[in-house]
Amino acid sequence: MAYVDGFVVPVPKNNMDKYRELATLVGKIYREHGALQFRECIADDVNPGKLTSFPQSVNLEEGETVVFAWIMYESRAHRDEVNAKVMKDPRSAELAKPETRPFDGKRMIFGGFDMVIDL
């Protein structure tokens, strides 16, 4: 069954154009190296909760929005292969620099997930 890397990212609204440019390039790199899907979604109906919420998960600040993203692979082993290729890609070195990111990477949440249902 497929494997998914998921991300929740706080992005300043005034940096969305830069974020889209960065995400588009990152997506192209991942797809070139074998990722099956690369998706980026901007919050539309995402309100702070009483205990938990997407805004609370990234300590959302005024003037920011939440981006929910994922990359899909054939398996965990495939993900590891793709990530190794992406990390060796010279374009990735520049994109990994904190000053290149139009968001606060310290508040980004990410992790890998085994897919258990695919309808």
N, C-alpha and C. Protein backbone atom coordinates (compact mmCIF):
# COMPACT_ATOMS: atom_id res chain seq x y z
N MET A 1 0.85 -1.18 0.00
CA MET A 1 0.00 0.00 0.00
C MET A 1 0.89 1.24 0.00
N ALA A 2 0.37 2.35 -0.43
CA ALA A 2 1.12 3.59 -0.58
C ALA A 2 1.62 4.14 0.75
N TYR A 3 2.55 5.06 0.64
CA TYR A 3 3.14 5.74 1.79
C TYR A 3 3.02 7.24 1.53
N VAL A 4 2.75 8.02 2.59
CA VAL A 4 2.53 9.46 2.44
C VAL A 4 3.36 10.24 3.45
N ASP A 5 4.04 11.27 2.98
CA ASP A 5 4.64 12.27 3.86
C ASP A 5 3.65 13.41 3.95
N GLY A 6 3.29 13.81 5.17
CA GLY A 6 2.33 14.89 5.38
C GLY A 6 2.98 16.08 6.05
N PHE A 7 2.46 17.28 5.75
CA PHE A 7 3.01 18.54 6.23
C PHE A 7 1.90 19.51 6.61
N VAL A 8 2.10 20.24 7.70
CA VAL A 8 1.25 21.36 8.08
C VAL A 8 2.20 22.53 8.28
N VAL A 9 1.98 23.61 7.51
CA VAL A 9 2.96 24.70 7.44
C VAL A 9 2.28 26.04 7.69
N PRO A 10 2.83 26.87 8.60
CA PRO A 10 2.32 28.23 8.76
C PRO A 10 3.01 29.15 7.75
N VAL A 11 2.21 29.82 6.92
CA VAL A 11 2.78 30.68 5.88
C VAL A 11 2.20 32.09 6.01
N PRO A 12 3.07 33.11 6.09
CA PRO A 12 2.55 34.48 6.09
C PRO A 12 1.76 34.73 4.79
N LYS A 13 0.58 35.32 4.93
CA LYS A 13 -0.26 35.55 3.76
C LYS A 13 0.45 36.41 2.73
N ASN A 14 1.28 37.34 3.17
CA ASN A 14 1.98 38.20 2.22
C ASN A 14 3.15 37.48 1.54
N ASN A 15 3.43 36.24 1.92
CA ASN A 15 4.48 35.43 1.28
C ASN A 15 3.91 34.30 0.44
N MET A 16 2.60 34.29 0.22
CA MET A 16 1.99 33.17 -0.50
C MET A 16 2.52 33.02 -1.92
N ASP A 17 2.76 34.12 -2.62
CA ASP A 17 3.30 34.00 -3.98
C ASP A 17 4.67 33.34 -3.96
N LYS A 18 5.53 33.75 -3.01
CA LYS A 18 6.84 33.14 -2.88
C LYS A 18 6.71 31.67 -2.48
N TYR A 19 5.77 31.38 -1.58
CA TYR A 19 5.56 30.00 -1.15
C TYR A 19 5.12 29.14 -2.33
N ARG A 20 4.18 29.64 -3.13
CA ARG A 20 3.72 28.87 -4.29
C ARG A 20 4.87 28.60 -5.26
N GLU A 21 5.72 29.60 -5.49
CA GLU A 21 6.88 29.40 -6.37
C GLU A 21 7.79 28.31 -5.81
N LEU A 22 8.10 28.40 -4.52
CA LEU A 22 8.96 27.41 -3.88
C LEU A 22 8.33 26.03 -3.94
N ALA A 23 7.06 25.93 -3.57
CA ALA A 23 6.38 24.64 -3.54
C ALA A 23 6.28 24.03 -4.94
N THR A 24 6.07 24.86 -5.95
CA THR A 24 6.02 24.36 -7.32
C THR A 24 7.36 23.76 -7.72
N LEU A 25 8.45 24.43 -7.40
CA LEU A 25 9.77 23.91 -7.72
C LEU A 25 10.05 22.62 -6.93
N VAL A 26 9.74 22.63 -5.64
CA VAL A 26 9.95 21.43 -4.81
C VAL A 26 9.13 20.28 -5.37
N GLY A 27 7.89 20.55 -5.73
CA GLY A 27 7.03 19.51 -6.30
C GLY A 27 7.60 18.93 -7.58
N LYS A 28 8.13 19.79 -8.44
CA LYS A 28 8.74 19.30 -9.69
C LYS A 28 9.93 18.40 -9.39
N ILE A 29 10.74 18.80 -8.42
CA ILE A 29 11.91 17.99 -8.06
C ILE A 29 11.46 16.62 -7.54
N TYR A 30 10.49 16.60 -6.64
CA TYR A 30 10.00 15.32 -6.11
C TYR A 30 9.40 14.45 -7.19
N ARG A 31 8.60 15.05 -8.08
CA ARG A 31 7.98 14.27 -9.15
C ARG A 31 9.04 13.74 -10.12
N GLU A 32 10.05 14.55 -10.43
CA GLU A 32 11.13 14.10 -11.32
C GLU A 32 11.86 12.89 -10.74
N HIS A 33 11.93 12.84 -9.41
CA HIS A 33 12.66 11.75 -8.77
C HIS A 33 11.76 10.59 -8.35
N GLY A 34 10.48 10.63 -8.77
CA GLY A 34 9.64 9.45 -8.60
C GLY A 34 8.43 9.55 -7.70
N ALA A 35 8.21 10.66 -7.01
CA ALA A 35 7.01 10.77 -6.17
C ALA A 35 5.77 10.64 -7.04
N LEU A 36 4.75 9.96 -6.53
CA LEU A 36 3.53 9.73 -7.30
C LEU A 36 2.62 10.94 -7.33
N GLN A 37 2.54 11.66 -6.22
CA GLN A 37 1.71 12.87 -6.12
C GLN A 37 2.42 13.88 -5.25
N PHE A 38 2.13 15.15 -5.51
CA PHE A 38 2.62 16.25 -4.68
C PHE A 38 1.49 17.25 -4.61
N ARG A 39 0.95 17.47 -3.42
CA ARG A 39 -0.23 18.34 -3.26
C ARG A 39 0.04 19.40 -2.19
N GLU A 40 -0.43 20.61 -2.44
CA GLU A 40 -0.35 21.72 -1.49
C GLU A 40 -1.73 22.36 -1.43
N CYS A 41 -2.27 22.54 -0.24
CA CYS A 41 -3.62 23.08 -0.05
C CYS A 41 -3.59 24.22 0.96
N ILE A 42 -4.26 25.32 0.63
CA ILE A 42 -4.34 26.48 1.52
C ILE A 42 -5.61 26.38 2.35
N ALA A 43 -5.51 26.70 3.63
CA ALA A 43 -6.66 26.65 4.53
C ALA A 43 -7.81 27.49 4.00
N ASP A 44 -9.01 26.94 4.08
CA ASP A 44 -10.21 27.65 3.67
C ASP A 44 -11.23 27.65 4.81
N ASP A 45 -11.47 26.49 5.38
CA ASP A 45 -12.44 26.36 6.47
C ASP A 45 -11.70 25.74 7.65
N VAL A 46 -10.82 26.53 8.26
CA VAL A 46 -9.93 26.04 9.33
C VAL A 46 -9.95 27.05 10.47
N ASN A 47 -10.70 26.75 11.51
CA ASN A 47 -10.83 27.66 12.64
C ASN A 47 -10.07 27.14 13.85
N PRO A 48 -9.64 28.05 14.72
CA PRO A 48 -9.02 27.59 15.98
C PRO A 48 -10.03 26.76 16.78
N GLY A 49 -9.53 25.72 17.42
CA GLY A 49 -10.39 24.87 18.22
C GLY A 49 -10.28 25.19 19.69
N LYS A 50 -11.01 24.44 20.50
CA LYS A 50 -10.90 24.60 21.95
C LYS A 50 -9.68 23.87 22.48
N LEU A 51 -9.41 22.68 21.95
CA LEU A 51 -8.25 21.89 22.39
C LEU A 51 -7.20 21.75 21.31
N THR A 52 -7.64 21.44 20.09
CA THR A 52 -6.69 21.25 18.99
C THR A 52 -7.27 21.80 17.69
N SER A 53 -6.40 22.13 16.76
CA SER A 53 -6.82 22.58 15.44
C SER A 53 -5.57 22.75 14.59
N PHE A 54 -5.76 22.90 13.29
CA PHE A 54 -4.62 23.17 12.43
C PHE A 54 -3.93 24.48 12.82
N PRO A 55 -4.67 25.57 13.06
CA PRO A 55 -3.98 26.80 13.47
C PRO A 55 -3.17 26.63 14.76
N GLN A 56 -3.73 25.93 15.73
CA GLN A 56 -3.02 25.73 16.99
C GLN A 56 -1.80 24.82 16.81
N SER A 57 -1.88 23.88 15.90
CA SER A 57 -0.79 22.92 15.74
C SER A 57 0.51 23.58 15.31
N VAL A 58 0.41 24.70 14.61
CA VAL A 58 1.61 25.41 14.13
C VAL A 58 1.79 26.75 14.82
N ASN A 59 1.02 26.96 15.91
CA ASN A 59 1.08 28.23 16.63
C ASN A 59 0.89 29.39 15.66
N LEU A 60 -0.18 29.33 14.88
CA LEU A 60 -0.46 30.31 13.84
C LEU A 60 -0.48 31.72 14.41
N GLU A 61 0.20 32.61 13.73
CA GLU A 61 0.27 34.01 14.14
C GLU A 61 -0.60 34.87 13.23
N GLU A 62 -0.93 36.07 13.70
CA GLU A 62 -1.74 36.98 12.90
C GLU A 62 -1.04 37.23 11.56
N GLY A 63 -1.84 37.23 10.51
CA GLY A 63 -1.30 37.47 9.18
C GLY A 63 -0.80 36.22 8.48
N GLU A 64 -0.98 35.05 9.13
CA GLU A 64 -0.54 33.79 8.54
C GLU A 64 -1.75 32.92 8.17
N THR A 65 -1.50 31.95 7.32
CA THR A 65 -2.50 30.94 7.00
C THR A 65 -1.83 29.57 7.10
N VAL A 66 -2.64 28.54 7.09
CA VAL A 66 -2.13 27.17 7.19
C VAL A 66 -2.12 26.53 5.81
N VAL A 67 -1.02 25.86 5.51
CA VAL A 67 -0.94 25.04 4.30
C VAL A 67 -0.86 23.58 4.75
N PHE A 68 -1.69 22.75 4.14
CA PHE A 68 -1.70 21.31 4.38
C PHE A 68 -1.20 20.67 3.09
N ALA A 69 -0.17 19.84 3.19
CA ALA A 69 0.45 19.29 1.99
C ALA A 69 0.80 17.81 2.19
N TRP A 70 0.94 17.10 1.08
CA TRP A 70 1.38 15.72 1.17
C TRP A 70 2.08 15.30 -0.12
N ILE A 71 2.93 14.30 0.05
CA ILE A 71 3.63 13.68 -1.08
C ILE A 71 3.35 12.19 -0.98
N MET A 72 2.93 11.58 -2.09
CA MET A 72 2.60 10.16 -2.07
C MET A 72 3.66 9.34 -2.82
N TYR A 73 3.94 8.17 -2.25
CA TYR A 73 4.93 7.25 -2.80
C TYR A 73 4.33 5.86 -2.88
N GLU A 74 5.02 4.94 -3.56
CA GLU A 74 4.57 3.56 -3.66
C GLU A 74 4.65 2.84 -2.32
N SER A 75 5.68 3.17 -1.52
CA SER A 75 5.93 2.48 -0.25
C SER A 75 6.92 3.31 0.56
N ARG A 76 7.19 2.88 1.78
CA ARG A 76 8.20 3.54 2.60
C ARG A 76 9.57 3.44 1.94
N ALA A 77 9.90 2.27 1.39
CA ALA A 77 11.19 2.09 0.72
C ALA A 77 11.30 3.04 -0.48
N HIS A 78 10.20 3.17 -1.23
CA HIS A 78 10.19 4.09 -2.38
C HIS A 78 10.38 5.53 -1.90
N ARG A 79 9.72 5.90 -0.80
CA ARG A 79 9.88 7.24 -0.23
C ARG A 79 11.35 7.49 0.11
N ASP A 80 11.98 6.52 0.75
CA ASP A 80 13.38 6.68 1.14
C ASP A 80 14.28 6.84 -0.09
N GLU A 81 13.99 6.10 -1.15
CA GLU A 81 14.75 6.23 -2.40
C GLU A 81 14.57 7.60 -3.02
N VAL A 82 13.32 8.06 -3.10
CA VAL A 82 13.03 9.38 -3.68
C VAL A 82 13.70 10.47 -2.86
N ASN A 83 13.56 10.40 -1.53
CA ASN A 83 14.17 11.43 -0.67
C ASN A 83 15.68 11.47 -0.84
N ALA A 84 16.32 10.33 -0.98
CA ALA A 84 17.78 10.29 -1.18
C ALA A 84 18.15 11.00 -2.48
N LYS A 85 17.38 10.77 -3.53
CA LYS A 85 17.64 11.44 -4.81
C LYS A 85 17.40 12.94 -4.71
N VAL A 86 16.31 13.32 -4.03
CA VAL A 86 15.99 14.73 -3.87
C VAL A 86 17.10 15.45 -3.09
N MET A 87 17.60 14.83 -2.04
CA MET A 87 18.65 15.45 -1.23
C MET A 87 19.96 15.61 -2.01
N LYS A 88 20.20 14.75 -2.99
CA LYS A 88 21.41 14.86 -3.82
C LYS A 88 21.23 15.83 -4.98
N ASP A 89 19.99 16.21 -5.27
CA ASP A 89 19.71 17.13 -6.37
C ASP A 89 20.26 18.51 -6.01
N PRO A 90 21.10 19.11 -6.86
CA PRO A 90 21.71 20.41 -6.52
C PRO A 90 20.68 21.52 -6.26
N ARG A 91 19.51 21.41 -6.84
CA ARG A 91 18.48 22.43 -6.60
C ARG A 91 18.00 22.40 -5.15
N SER A 92 18.05 21.23 -4.52
CA SER A 92 17.56 21.09 -3.15
C SER A 92 18.44 21.80 -2.13
N ALA A 93 19.74 21.88 -2.39
CA ALA A 93 20.65 22.53 -1.44
C ALA A 93 20.25 23.98 -1.21
N GLU A 94 19.94 24.68 -2.27
CA GLU A 94 19.54 26.09 -2.15
C GLU A 94 18.19 26.21 -1.44
N LEU A 95 17.28 25.31 -1.76
CA LEU A 95 15.93 25.37 -1.18
C LEU A 95 15.92 25.02 0.30
N ALA A 96 16.92 24.30 0.77
CA ALA A 96 16.97 23.87 2.17
C ALA A 96 17.44 24.98 3.11
N LYS A 97 17.99 26.04 2.57
CA LYS A 97 18.48 27.13 3.42
C LYS A 97 17.30 27.86 4.08
N PRO A 98 17.36 28.09 5.39
CA PRO A 98 16.26 28.77 6.07
C PRO A 98 15.92 30.13 5.47
N GLU A 99 16.91 30.86 4.99
CA GLU A 99 16.63 32.19 4.42
C GLU A 99 15.89 32.11 3.08
N THR A 100 15.86 30.94 2.47
CA THR A 100 15.15 30.74 1.21
C THR A 100 13.66 30.50 1.45
N ARG A 101 13.34 29.98 2.62
CA ARG A 101 11.95 29.62 2.93
C ARG A 101 11.10 30.84 3.26
N PRO A 102 9.94 30.97 2.62
CA PRO A 102 9.04 32.08 2.94
C PRO A 102 8.08 31.73 4.09
N PHE A 103 8.55 30.94 5.04
CA PHE A 103 7.74 30.54 6.20
C PHE A 103 8.69 30.15 7.33
N ASP A 104 8.14 30.00 8.53
CA ASP A 104 8.93 29.62 9.69
C ASP A 104 8.99 28.10 9.78
N GLY A 105 10.09 27.53 9.31
CA GLY A 105 10.24 26.09 9.28
C GLY A 105 10.25 25.43 10.64
N LYS A 106 10.54 26.20 11.70
CA LYS A 106 10.55 25.63 13.05
C LYS A 106 9.15 25.24 13.51
N ARG A 107 8.13 25.84 12.90
CA ARG A 107 6.75 25.55 13.30
C ARG A 107 6.05 24.60 12.33
N MET A 108 6.76 24.12 11.32
CA MET A 108 6.18 23.17 10.38
C MET A 108 6.10 21.80 11.05
N ILE A 109 5.01 21.10 10.81
CA ILE A 109 4.82 19.75 11.32
C ILE A 109 4.91 18.81 10.12
N PHE A 110 5.62 17.70 10.29
CA PHE A 110 5.72 16.75 9.18
C PHE A 110 5.96 15.35 9.71
N GLY A 111 5.63 14.38 8.88
CA GLY A 111 5.87 12.99 9.25
C GLY A 111 5.44 12.05 8.15
N GLY A 112 5.86 10.79 8.25
CA GLY A 112 5.53 9.77 7.27
C GLY A 112 4.43 8.86 7.78
N PHE A 113 3.56 8.43 6.88
CA PHE A 113 2.38 7.65 7.24
C PHE A 113 2.17 6.49 6.28
N ASP A 114 1.90 5.31 6.84
CA ASP A 114 1.46 4.17 6.04
C ASP A 114 0.00 4.36 5.72
N MET A 115 -0.38 4.20 4.46
CA MET A 115 -1.77 4.31 4.09
C MET A 115 -2.45 3.01 4.48
N VAL A 116 -3.60 3.09 5.13
CA VAL A 116 -4.32 1.89 5.55
C VAL A 116 -5.64 1.72 4.80
N ILE A 117 -6.18 2.81 4.26
CA ILE A 117 -7.41 2.75 3.46
C ILE A 117 -7.21 3.64 2.25
N ASP A 118 -7.56 3.13 1.09
CA ASP A 118 -7.46 3.88 -0.16
C ASP A 118 -8.69 3.55 -0.99
N LEU A 119 -9.73 4.37 -0.87
CA LEU A 119 -11.01 4.10 -1.57
C LEU A 119 -11.10 4.90 -2.85
